[in-house]
N, C-alpha and C. Protein backbone atom coordinates (compact mmCIF):
# COMPACT_ATOMS: atom_id res chain seq x y z
N UNK A 1 -48.35 1.22 77.70
CA UNK A 1 -48.98 0.68 75.91
C UNK A 1 -47.91 -0.28 75.76
N UNK A 2 -46.75 -0.39 75.60
CA UNK A 2 -45.93 -1.00 75.30
C UNK A 2 -46.11 -2.56 75.11
N UNK A 3 -46.58 -3.09 76.66
CA UNK A 3 -47.03 -4.26 76.67
C UNK A 3 -48.06 -4.72 76.73
N UNK A 4 -49.35 -3.91 76.40
CA UNK A 4 -50.47 -4.36 75.82
C UNK A 4 -50.22 -4.86 74.57
N UNK A 5 -49.16 -3.64 73.82
CA UNK A 5 -49.26 -4.16 72.22
C UNK A 5 -48.29 -5.08 72.04
N UNK A 6 -47.28 -5.80 72.61
CA UNK A 6 -46.97 -6.99 72.54
C UNK A 6 -47.72 -7.79 72.82
N UNK A 7 -48.14 -7.64 73.96
CA UNK A 7 -49.17 -9.24 74.13
C UNK A 7 -49.85 -9.24 73.24
N UNK A 8 -50.50 -8.40 72.48
CA UNK A 8 -52.10 -8.44 71.52
C UNK A 8 -50.31 -9.26 70.40
N UNK A 9 -49.83 -8.43 69.56
CA UNK A 9 -48.77 -8.80 68.68
C UNK A 9 -48.69 -10.24 68.84
N UNK A 10 -48.22 -10.50 70.06
CA UNK A 10 -48.11 -12.29 70.31
C UNK A 10 -49.69 -13.34 70.27
N UNK A 11 -50.65 -12.44 70.85
CA UNK A 11 -51.56 -13.86 70.65
C UNK A 11 -52.42 -13.80 68.94
N UNK A 12 -51.83 -12.46 68.19
CA UNK A 12 -52.52 -12.76 66.82
C UNK A 12 -51.28 -13.69 66.12
N UNK A 13 -49.81 -13.76 66.74
CA UNK A 13 -49.37 -14.48 66.13
C UNK A 13 -49.28 -16.16 66.28
N UNK A 14 -50.00 -16.41 68.12
CA UNK A 14 -50.53 -17.62 68.37
C UNK A 14 -51.80 -18.10 67.62
N UNK A 15 -52.57 -16.81 66.94
CA UNK A 15 -53.95 -17.59 66.27
C UNK A 15 -53.62 -18.21 64.71
N UNK A 16 -52.73 -17.04 64.20
CA UNK A 16 -51.96 -17.32 63.13
C UNK A 16 -51.52 -18.75 62.99
N UNK A 17 -50.44 -19.23 63.74
CA UNK A 17 -49.78 -20.44 63.56
C UNK A 17 -51.27 -21.70 64.00
N UNK A 18 -52.09 -21.08 64.79
CA UNK A 18 -53.39 -22.64 64.78
C UNK A 18 -54.12 -22.61 63.22
N UNK A 19 -54.31 -21.38 62.76
CA UNK A 19 -55.24 -20.83 62.09
C UNK A 19 -54.55 -22.06 60.58
N UNK A 20 -52.51 -21.87 60.48
CA UNK A 20 -52.34 -22.32 59.42
C UNK A 20 -52.48 -23.82 59.72
N UNK A 21 -52.27 -24.33 60.63
CA UNK A 21 -52.19 -25.57 61.13
C UNK A 21 -53.55 -26.20 60.88
N UNK A 22 -54.55 -25.81 61.24
CA UNK A 22 -55.79 -25.91 60.36
C UNK A 22 -56.00 -26.30 58.98
N UNK A 23 -56.28 -25.09 58.60
CA UNK A 23 -55.52 -24.91 57.04
C UNK A 23 -54.97 -26.30 56.29
N UNK A 24 -53.74 -26.52 57.15
CA UNK A 24 -53.03 -27.40 56.32
C UNK A 24 -53.33 -29.12 56.49
N UNK A 25 -54.30 -29.12 57.35
CA UNK A 25 -54.77 -30.67 57.60
C UNK A 25 -55.94 -30.40 57.41
N UNK A 26 -56.87 -31.40 56.69
CA UNK A 26 -57.95 -31.07 55.74
C UNK A 26 -59.06 -31.66 57.13
N UNK A 27 -58.71 -32.82 57.99
CA UNK A 27 -59.62 -33.52 59.08
C UNK A 27 -59.69 -32.32 59.83
N UNK A 28 -59.17 -30.89 60.28
CA UNK A 28 -59.50 -30.27 60.83
C UNK A 28 -60.31 -28.81 60.18
N UNK A 29 -60.55 -28.97 58.87
CA UNK A 29 -61.27 -27.90 58.26
C UNK A 29 -62.45 -27.33 58.96
N UNK A 30 -63.18 -28.51 59.67
CA UNK A 30 -64.36 -28.36 60.15
C UNK A 30 -64.44 -26.85 61.43
N UNK A 31 -62.95 -27.07 62.05
CA UNK A 31 -62.60 -26.32 63.06
C UNK A 31 -62.46 -24.58 62.62
N UNK A 32 -63.52 -23.65 62.42
CA UNK A 32 -62.93 -22.83 61.78
C UNK A 32 -62.63 -21.11 62.58
N UNK A 33 -62.25 -20.39 62.17
CA UNK A 33 -61.88 -19.70 62.78
C UNK A 33 -62.26 -18.89 63.76
N UNK A 34 -63.64 -18.75 63.94
CA UNK A 34 -64.00 -17.69 65.56
C UNK A 34 -64.07 -19.16 66.73
N UNK A 35 -64.59 -20.56 65.99
CA UNK A 35 -64.08 -21.12 67.28
C UNK A 35 -63.06 -21.71 68.02
N UNK A 36 -62.15 -21.08 67.16
CA UNK A 36 -60.09 -20.76 67.66
C UNK A 36 -60.05 -19.91 68.11
N UNK A 37 -60.52 -18.65 67.96
CA UNK A 37 -60.40 -17.48 68.81
C UNK A 37 -60.72 -17.42 70.13
N UNK A 38 -61.97 -18.04 70.27
CA UNK A 38 -62.98 -18.54 71.44
C UNK A 38 -62.15 -18.88 71.94
N UNK A 39 -61.16 -20.32 71.54
CA UNK A 39 -60.58 -21.39 72.21
C UNK A 39 -59.35 -20.44 72.97
N UNK A 40 -59.09 -19.57 72.03
CA UNK A 40 -57.71 -18.93 72.60
C UNK A 40 -58.07 -17.75 73.52
N UNK A 41 -58.81 -17.44 73.33
CA UNK A 41 -59.19 -16.43 74.64
C UNK A 41 -59.98 -17.30 75.65
N UNK A 42 -60.47 -18.22 75.80
CA UNK A 42 -60.54 -19.12 76.77
C UNK A 42 -59.53 -19.64 77.35
N UNK A 43 -59.11 -20.14 76.85
CA UNK A 43 -57.47 -20.80 77.46
C UNK A 43 -56.27 -19.52 78.09
N UNK A 44 -56.59 -18.19 77.71
CA UNK A 44 -55.98 -16.97 78.76
C UNK A 44 -56.83 -16.57 79.59
N UNK A 45 -57.93 -16.68 79.38
CA UNK A 45 -58.86 -16.54 80.81
C UNK A 45 -58.47 -17.18 81.65
N UNK A 46 -58.96 -18.80 81.31
CA UNK A 46 -58.09 -19.77 82.58
C UNK A 46 -56.94 -20.02 83.10
N UNK A 47 -56.31 -19.66 81.91
CA UNK A 47 -54.65 -19.42 83.05
C UNK A 47 -54.38 -18.23 83.71
N UNK A 48 -55.80 -17.10 83.58
CA UNK A 48 -55.27 -16.30 84.28
C UNK A 48 -54.13 -14.86 83.67
N UNK A 49 -54.20 -14.71 82.39
CA UNK A 49 -53.51 -13.97 81.48
C UNK A 49 -54.43 -12.94 80.82
N UNK A 50 -55.67 -12.93 81.07
CA UNK A 50 -56.36 -12.20 80.71
C UNK A 50 -57.49 -11.99 81.65
N UNK A 51 -58.56 -10.78 81.61
CA UNK A 51 -59.94 -11.15 82.72
C UNK A 51 -61.02 -11.63 81.33
N UNK A 52 -61.89 -11.65 82.22
CA UNK A 52 -63.27 -12.18 81.55
C UNK A 52 -63.52 -10.82 80.79
N UNK A 53 -63.63 -11.03 79.15
CA UNK A 53 -63.92 -10.46 78.34
C UNK A 53 -65.69 -9.36 78.26
N UNK A 54 -66.26 -10.38 78.50
CA UNK A 54 -67.49 -10.10 78.12
C UNK A 54 -68.71 -10.58 79.47
N UNK A 55 -68.51 -9.94 80.38
CA UNK A 55 -69.45 -9.98 81.39
C UNK A 55 -71.01 -9.57 81.39
N UNK A 56 -70.86 -8.59 80.42
CA UNK A 56 -71.87 -7.72 80.37
C UNK A 56 -72.98 -8.44 79.53
N UNK A 57 -74.26 -8.41 79.28
CA UNK A 57 -75.48 -8.96 78.24
C UNK A 57 -75.04 -8.25 77.05
N UNK A 58 -75.22 -9.00 75.90
CA UNK A 58 -74.68 -8.49 74.62
C UNK A 58 -76.14 -7.05 74.72
N UNK A 59 -76.55 -7.17 74.81
CA UNK A 59 -77.76 -6.20 75.12
C UNK A 59 -76.91 -4.25 75.34
N UNK A 60 -76.61 -5.02 76.99
CA UNK A 60 -75.75 -3.72 77.15
C UNK A 60 -74.71 -3.38 76.33
N UNK A 61 -74.25 -4.37 76.02
CA UNK A 61 -72.68 -3.70 75.09
C UNK A 61 -73.11 -3.36 73.74
N UNK A 62 -74.04 -3.93 73.27
CA UNK A 62 -74.55 -2.94 71.94
C UNK A 62 -74.96 -1.56 72.33
N UNK A 63 -75.79 -1.48 73.24
CA UNK A 63 -76.11 0.38 73.33
C UNK A 63 -74.42 0.81 73.23
N UNK A 64 -73.90 0.63 73.93
CA UNK A 64 -72.67 1.39 74.12
C UNK A 64 -71.15 1.34 73.12
N UNK A 65 -71.82 1.08 72.10
CA UNK A 65 -70.92 0.68 70.95
C UNK A 65 -71.16 2.18 70.21
N UNK A 66 -69.99 2.54 69.93
CA UNK A 66 -69.60 4.00 69.05
C UNK A 66 -69.31 3.37 67.75
N UNK A 67 -70.10 3.14 66.83
CA UNK A 67 -69.76 3.22 65.05
C UNK A 67 -69.02 3.88 64.63
N UNK A 68 -69.23 5.33 64.97
CA UNK A 68 -68.27 6.19 64.27
C UNK A 68 -67.04 6.44 64.89
N UNK A 69 -66.68 5.92 66.33
CA UNK A 69 -65.18 5.84 66.68
C UNK A 69 -65.15 4.61 67.59
N UNK A 70 -64.73 3.34 67.01
CA UNK A 70 -64.63 2.14 67.68
C UNK A 70 -63.04 2.26 68.65
N UNK A 71 -63.36 1.37 69.64
CA UNK A 71 -62.37 1.55 70.17
C UNK A 71 -61.19 0.33 70.23
N UNK A 72 -59.73 1.44 70.19
CA UNK A 72 -58.86 1.20 69.60
C UNK A 72 -58.07 -0.02 70.50
N UNK A 73 -58.31 -1.82 70.32
CA UNK A 73 -58.42 -2.42 71.04
C UNK A 73 -56.51 -3.17 71.16
N UNK A 74 -55.49 -1.79 70.71
CA UNK A 74 -53.91 -2.03 71.10
C UNK A 74 -53.82 -1.14 72.11
N UNK A 75 -54.52 -0.21 72.58
CA UNK A 75 -54.45 0.83 73.46
C UNK A 75 -54.67 0.65 74.64
N UNK A 76 -54.54 1.28 75.66
CA UNK A 76 -54.40 1.07 76.80
C UNK A 76 -56.14 0.88 77.59
N UNK A 77 -56.74 1.22 76.46
CA UNK A 77 -58.26 1.11 76.73
C UNK A 77 -58.88 -0.56 77.35
N UNK A 78 -57.88 -1.34 76.99
CA UNK A 78 -58.28 -2.43 77.24
C UNK A 78 -56.92 -3.31 78.27
N UNK A 79 -56.38 -2.09 78.77
CA UNK A 79 -54.86 -2.63 79.46
C UNK A 79 -55.18 -3.27 80.74
N UNK A 80 -56.68 -2.91 81.52
CA UNK A 80 -57.15 -3.51 82.67
C UNK A 80 -57.58 -5.02 82.70
N UNK A 81 -57.57 -5.56 80.96
CA UNK A 81 -58.15 -6.74 80.89
C UNK A 81 -56.81 -7.49 81.04
N UNK A 82 -55.68 -7.23 81.20
CA UNK A 82 -54.49 -8.04 80.33
C UNK A 82 -53.83 -8.34 82.12
N UNK A 83 -53.60 -9.51 82.24
CA UNK A 83 -53.03 -9.65 83.63
C UNK A 83 -51.82 -9.10 83.84
N UNK A 84 -51.95 -8.32 85.17
CA UNK A 84 -51.07 -7.53 85.57
C UNK A 84 -49.64 -8.33 86.17
N UNK A 85 -49.46 -9.27 86.18
CA UNK A 85 -48.90 -10.40 86.89
C UNK A 85 -47.66 -10.58 86.05
N UNK A 86 -46.63 -10.28 86.48
CA UNK A 86 -45.13 -9.99 85.76
C UNK A 86 -44.72 -11.44 84.98
N UNK A 87 -44.79 -12.67 85.69
CA UNK A 87 -44.62 -13.85 85.15
C UNK A 87 -45.46 -13.97 84.13
N UNK A 88 -46.45 -13.63 83.28
CA UNK A 88 -47.00 -13.73 81.83
C UNK A 88 -46.89 -12.65 81.42
N UNK A 89 -46.07 -11.38 81.26
CA UNK A 89 -46.29 -10.39 80.70
C UNK A 89 -45.03 -10.91 79.33
N UNK A 90 -44.34 -11.80 79.83
CA UNK A 90 -43.20 -11.80 78.88
C UNK A 90 -43.48 -12.96 78.03
N UNK A 91 -44.54 -13.69 78.49
CA UNK A 91 -44.29 -15.06 77.57
C UNK A 91 -44.30 -15.20 75.79
N UNK A 92 -43.64 -15.98 75.44
CA UNK A 92 -43.18 -15.76 74.29
C UNK A 92 -44.07 -16.71 73.78
N UNK A 93 -44.42 -16.24 72.00
CA UNK A 93 -45.03 -16.94 71.08
C UNK A 93 -44.97 -18.45 71.37
N UNK A 94 -43.66 -18.93 71.40
CA UNK A 94 -43.58 -20.36 71.24
C UNK A 94 -43.87 -20.99 72.70
N UNK A 95 -44.09 -20.16 73.79
CA UNK A 95 -44.16 -20.64 74.98
C UNK A 95 -46.24 -20.52 75.28
N UNK A 96 -46.39 -19.39 74.72
CA UNK A 96 -47.97 -19.46 74.60
C UNK A 96 -48.77 -20.60 73.32
N UNK A 97 -47.95 -20.72 72.76
CA UNK A 97 -48.43 -22.14 71.62
C UNK A 97 -47.95 -23.06 72.67
N UNK A 98 -47.46 -23.64 73.07
CA UNK A 98 -47.14 -24.34 73.60
C UNK A 98 -48.16 -24.71 74.66
N UNK A 99 -48.64 -23.63 75.67
CA UNK A 99 -49.23 -23.91 76.30
C UNK A 99 -50.51 -23.54 76.17
N UNK A 100 -50.91 -23.44 74.86
CA UNK A 100 -52.36 -23.38 74.46
C UNK A 100 -52.59 -25.38 73.96
N UNK A 101 -51.46 -25.41 73.32
CA UNK A 101 -51.70 -27.17 73.06
C UNK A 101 -51.79 -28.23 74.11
N UNK A 102 -50.89 -27.75 74.95
CA UNK A 102 -51.35 -28.29 76.34
C UNK A 102 -52.21 -28.29 77.19
N UNK A 103 -52.83 -27.31 77.50
CA UNK A 103 -54.51 -26.62 77.84
C UNK A 103 -55.18 -27.76 76.91
N UNK A 104 -55.50 -27.91 75.63
CA UNK A 104 -56.53 -28.36 74.78
C UNK A 104 -56.21 -29.83 74.49
N UNK A 105 -55.16 -29.93 74.89
CA UNK A 105 -54.79 -31.65 74.60
C UNK A 105 -55.61 -32.80 75.80
N UNK A 106 -55.60 -31.88 76.70
CA UNK A 106 -56.27 -32.96 78.21
C UNK A 106 -57.91 -32.16 78.11
N UNK A 107 -58.12 -31.02 77.63
CA UNK A 107 -59.54 -30.62 78.07
C UNK A 107 -60.43 -31.90 77.88
N UNK A 108 -61.39 -31.62 78.98
CA UNK A 108 -62.62 -32.59 79.14
C UNK A 108 -64.03 -31.80 78.24
N UNK A 109 -63.84 -31.91 76.56
CA UNK A 109 -64.78 -31.40 76.14
C UNK A 109 -66.21 -32.21 76.25
N UNK A 110 -66.19 -33.49 76.78
CA UNK A 110 -67.22 -34.44 77.21
C UNK A 110 -68.30 -33.65 77.94
N UNK A 111 -67.40 -32.51 79.23
CA UNK A 111 -68.17 -32.17 80.19
C UNK A 111 -67.95 -30.65 80.27
N UNK A 112 -66.97 -30.18 79.94
CA UNK A 112 -67.39 -28.21 79.81
C UNK A 112 -67.15 -27.67 78.45
N UNK A 113 -67.95 -27.06 78.81
CA UNK A 113 -68.17 -26.16 77.67
C UNK A 113 -67.63 -24.51 77.32
N UNK A 114 -66.84 -24.45 76.10
CA UNK A 114 -65.69 -23.48 76.22
C UNK A 114 -66.43 -21.91 76.38
N UNK A 115 -66.60 -21.40 77.20
CA UNK A 115 -67.57 -19.83 77.20
C UNK A 115 -66.66 -18.91 77.86
N UNK A 116 -66.40 -18.05 77.01
CA UNK A 116 -66.02 -16.71 77.25
C UNK A 116 -66.21 -15.81 78.14
N UNK A 117 -67.35 -15.71 78.52
CA UNK A 117 -68.57 -14.69 79.28
C UNK A 117 -68.15 -15.31 80.78
N UNK A 118 -68.01 -15.79 81.21
CA UNK A 118 -67.13 -16.31 82.49
C UNK A 118 -66.39 -17.12 83.36
N UNK A 119 -65.62 -16.74 84.35
CA UNK A 119 -64.43 -17.47 84.50
C UNK A 119 -64.56 -18.84 85.17
N UNK A 120 -65.97 -19.05 85.64
CA UNK A 120 -66.18 -20.22 86.29
C UNK A 120 -66.06 -21.42 85.23
N UNK A 121 -65.94 -22.27 85.30
CA UNK A 121 -66.27 -23.23 83.96
C UNK A 121 -67.52 -23.64 84.02
N UNK A 122 -68.32 -23.90 82.55
CA UNK A 122 -69.81 -24.28 82.59
C UNK A 122 -69.41 -25.62 81.58
N UNK A 123 -70.58 -26.44 82.66
CA UNK A 123 -70.79 -27.74 82.60
C UNK A 123 -71.91 -27.95 81.60
N UNK A 124 -71.64 -29.39 80.66
CA UNK A 124 -73.10 -29.51 79.78
C UNK A 124 -74.23 -29.94 81.11
N UNK A 125 -75.13 -29.55 80.93
CA UNK A 125 -76.44 -29.95 81.30
C UNK A 125 -77.25 -30.85 80.83
N UNK A 126 -78.35 -31.33 81.73
CA UNK A 126 -79.44 -32.19 81.18
C UNK A 126 -79.77 -31.48 79.67
N UNK A 127 -80.14 -30.55 79.62
CA UNK A 127 -80.59 -29.72 78.63
C UNK A 127 -80.00 -29.66 77.75
N UNK A 128 -78.96 -29.56 77.81
CA UNK A 128 -77.73 -29.63 76.79
C UNK A 128 -77.77 -31.25 76.07
N UNK A 129 -77.88 -31.82 76.48
CA UNK A 129 -77.70 -33.70 76.38
C UNK A 129 -78.55 -33.77 74.87
N UNK A 130 -79.83 -33.01 74.71
CA UNK A 130 -80.43 -33.29 73.60
C UNK A 130 -79.59 -32.98 72.48
N UNK A 131 -79.19 -32.02 72.21
CA UNK A 131 -78.20 -31.28 71.22
C UNK A 131 -77.07 -31.48 71.43
N UNK A 132 -76.13 -32.22 72.26
CA UNK A 132 -74.85 -32.66 72.33
C UNK A 132 -74.46 -32.73 71.13
N UNK A 133 -73.01 -31.62 70.71
CA UNK A 133 -72.29 -31.72 69.93
C UNK A 133 -70.79 -32.26 70.78
N UNK A 134 -69.86 -33.07 69.24
CA UNK A 134 -68.63 -33.07 70.28
C UNK A 134 -67.40 -32.26 71.22
N UNK A 135 -68.06 -30.74 70.63
CA UNK A 135 -67.38 -30.01 71.45
C UNK A 135 -68.43 -28.43 71.40
N UNK A 136 -68.24 -27.79 72.48
CA UNK A 136 -69.23 -26.86 72.55
C UNK A 136 -68.16 -25.47 72.65
N UNK A 137 -68.67 -24.47 71.80
CA UNK A 137 -67.70 -23.03 71.77
C UNK A 137 -69.04 -21.71 72.07
N UNK A 138 -69.35 -21.63 72.95
CA UNK A 138 -70.61 -21.01 73.68
C UNK A 138 -70.52 -19.30 73.12
N UNK A 139 -70.93 -18.67 72.01
CA UNK A 139 -71.32 -17.70 71.88
C UNK A 139 -72.00 -16.81 72.78
N UNK A 140 -70.84 -15.54 73.41
CA UNK A 140 -71.29 -15.14 74.20
C UNK A 140 -72.24 -13.63 74.24
N UNK A 141 -72.80 -13.73 72.75
CA UNK A 141 -74.00 -12.82 72.33
C UNK A 141 -75.32 -13.64 72.26
N UNK A 142 -75.07 -14.57 71.50
CA UNK A 142 -76.34 -15.67 71.01
C UNK A 142 -76.64 -16.38 71.76
N UNK A 143 -75.19 -17.12 72.72
CA UNK A 143 -75.50 -18.37 73.04
C UNK A 143 -75.73 -19.38 72.67
N UNK A 144 -75.30 -19.45 70.69
CA UNK A 144 -75.09 -21.03 70.37
C UNK A 144 -74.00 -21.40 70.10
N UNK A 145 -73.71 -22.72 69.85
CA UNK A 145 -72.67 -23.04 69.44
C UNK A 145 -71.67 -23.04 68.38
N UNK A 146 -70.87 -22.54 68.42
CA UNK A 146 -69.76 -21.47 67.15
C UNK A 146 -69.20 -22.55 66.67
N UNK A 147 -69.36 -24.06 67.53
CA UNK A 147 -68.16 -25.02 66.58
C UNK A 147 -69.22 -26.34 66.68
N UNK A 148 -70.54 -26.17 66.63
CA UNK A 148 -71.49 -27.05 66.26
C UNK A 148 -71.38 -28.08 64.67
N UNK A 149 -70.90 -27.83 63.92
CA UNK A 149 -70.27 -27.96 62.61
C UNK A 149 -69.09 -28.92 63.36
N UNK A 150 -68.66 -28.78 64.09
CA UNK A 150 -67.33 -30.05 64.38
C UNK A 150 -67.72 -31.24 64.87
N UNK A 151 -67.38 -32.57 63.82
CA UNK A 151 -67.59 -33.44 63.72
C UNK A 151 -66.44 -34.33 64.92
N UNK A 152 -67.35 -35.45 65.76
CA UNK A 152 -66.39 -36.18 66.63
C UNK A 152 -64.66 -36.46 65.90
N UNK A 153 -65.00 -37.35 64.60
CA UNK A 153 -63.39 -37.06 63.43
C UNK A 153 -62.71 -35.88 63.98
N UNK A 154 -63.56 -34.81 64.03
CA UNK A 154 -62.22 -33.29 63.26
C UNK A 154 -61.88 -33.12 65.00
N UNK A 155 -62.66 -33.25 66.13
CA UNK A 155 -62.21 -32.87 67.32
C UNK A 155 -61.02 -34.23 67.50
N UNK A 156 -61.48 -34.88 67.34
CA UNK A 156 -60.37 -36.09 67.66
C UNK A 156 -59.29 -35.92 67.20
N UNK A 157 -58.85 -35.76 65.98
CA UNK A 157 -58.05 -35.16 65.07
C UNK A 157 -57.54 -34.04 65.50
N UNK A 158 -57.54 -33.42 66.45
CA UNK A 158 -57.71 -31.60 66.92
C UNK A 158 -56.69 -32.29 68.29
N UNK A 159 -57.41 -33.12 68.86
CA UNK A 159 -56.51 -33.40 70.11
C UNK A 159 -55.32 -34.22 70.15
N UNK A 160 -55.08 -35.23 69.23
CA UNK A 160 -54.32 -35.39 68.31
C UNK A 160 -52.77 -34.67 68.25
N UNK A 161 -53.63 -33.65 67.53
CA UNK A 161 -52.21 -32.74 66.83
C UNK A 161 -52.02 -32.02 68.04
N UNK A 162 -52.98 -31.85 69.00
CA UNK A 162 -52.73 -30.66 70.31
C UNK A 162 -51.27 -31.83 71.06
N UNK A 163 -52.06 -32.97 71.25
CA UNK A 163 -50.88 -34.02 71.83
C UNK A 163 -49.30 -33.88 71.16
N UNK A 164 -49.37 -33.75 69.65
CA UNK A 164 -48.63 -33.74 68.93
C UNK A 164 -47.39 -32.97 68.85
N UNK A 165 -47.96 -31.28 69.27
CA UNK A 165 -47.24 -29.87 69.21
C UNK A 165 -46.59 -30.33 70.39
N UNK A 166 -47.38 -30.98 71.80
CA UNK A 166 -47.04 -30.64 73.14
C UNK A 166 -45.41 -31.77 72.97
N UNK A 167 -45.84 -33.11 72.25
CA UNK A 167 -44.58 -33.88 72.45
C UNK A 167 -43.11 -33.10 71.67
N UNK A 168 -43.67 -32.47 70.70
CA UNK A 168 -42.46 -31.82 69.66
C UNK A 168 -41.99 -30.75 70.22
N UNK A 169 -42.67 -30.34 71.31
CA UNK A 169 -42.16 -29.12 72.18
C UNK A 169 -41.19 -29.70 72.68
N UNK A 170 -41.31 -30.53 73.79
CA UNK A 170 -40.71 -31.26 74.68
C UNK A 170 -38.98 -32.22 73.43
N UNK A 171 -39.47 -32.20 72.40
CA UNK A 171 -38.66 -32.86 72.18
C UNK A 171 -37.69 -31.78 71.27
N UNK A 172 -37.82 -30.56 71.28
CA UNK A 172 -37.25 -29.25 70.28
C UNK A 172 -37.19 -29.54 68.82
N UNK A 173 -38.70 -30.02 68.37
CA UNK A 173 -38.74 -30.33 67.26
C UNK A 173 -40.00 -29.76 66.89
N UNK A 174 -40.40 -28.09 67.54
CA UNK A 174 -41.43 -27.37 67.58
C UNK A 174 -41.78 -27.25 66.20
N UNK A 175 -40.76 -27.17 65.25
CA UNK A 175 -40.67 -26.28 64.09
C UNK A 175 -41.08 -27.20 62.62
N UNK A 176 -41.11 -28.08 63.19
CA UNK A 176 -41.56 -29.11 62.00
C UNK A 176 -43.32 -29.77 62.46
N UNK A 177 -44.02 -28.73 63.26
CA UNK A 177 -45.32 -29.28 63.40
C UNK A 177 -45.94 -28.16 62.95
N UNK A 178 -45.93 -27.31 62.59
CA UNK A 178 -46.29 -25.98 61.93
C UNK A 178 -46.05 -25.69 60.71
N UNK A 179 -47.15 -26.05 59.29
CA UNK A 179 -46.89 -25.99 58.19
C UNK A 179 -45.87 -24.22 58.34
N UNK A 180 -44.88 -24.75 56.93
CA UNK A 180 -43.77 -23.24 56.72
C UNK A 180 -44.43 -22.93 55.85
N UNK A 181 -44.82 -23.61 54.40
CA UNK A 181 -44.80 -23.60 53.28
C UNK A 181 -46.58 -23.29 52.66
N UNK A 182 -47.16 -22.88 53.22
CA UNK A 182 -48.40 -22.77 52.81
C UNK A 182 -48.88 -22.94 51.59
N UNK A 183 -48.24 -22.13 50.32
CA UNK A 183 -48.50 -21.95 49.07
C UNK A 183 -48.38 -23.46 48.69
N UNK A 184 -47.13 -23.85 48.69
CA UNK A 184 -46.68 -25.58 48.34
C UNK A 184 -47.81 -26.10 48.74
N UNK A 185 -48.39 -26.07 49.43
CA UNK A 185 -49.42 -26.94 50.19
C UNK A 185 -50.78 -26.44 49.70
N UNK A 186 -50.95 -25.28 49.15
CA UNK A 186 -52.02 -24.98 48.50
C UNK A 186 -52.18 -26.19 47.00
N UNK A 187 -50.94 -25.57 46.56
CA UNK A 187 -50.76 -26.23 45.35
C UNK A 187 -50.51 -27.41 45.20
N UNK A 188 -50.88 -28.05 45.89
CA UNK A 188 -50.71 -29.71 45.77
C UNK A 188 -52.14 -30.14 46.19
N UNK A 189 -53.06 -29.79 46.11
CA UNK A 189 -54.01 -29.87 46.31
C UNK A 189 -55.20 -29.95 45.48
């Protein structure tokens, strides 16, 4: 149980760092929390750190929901989803943050749809071309694009920032990439 709790805590910290980064850069404000969370899950799935979470259709999952006593996702209820590979069990927050940035700095957004409902990569189809957006983050329940509001400028800014994060880690300057004083940032606006 300790391993799952430690992993869970590290993922929350990674999400927090990226959320703060987005809040601090106005050009990224169209990239909201839900797509970022899906992107983190997709990254973890594609790098074999976790298993696919939502392989069942939404109707099957909804039938199994117990509103009186929901599962505690910090316990062994989801232990089977975390990779047993010891190579991943001790990844630090810094390493996961770096790997996330590396993964998305070179991601092919023109061809690949971020979809956490399957392990295989999902590609844009001809049918999708009519409604194609700069980025697609597919909701595993409704099928709609959770990042449909993201503009080409926002995505380009995100990719540049991911490349900047990767470079800052390589230069041992990662502390300069993420805002540390959000209250000060908020008062400047």
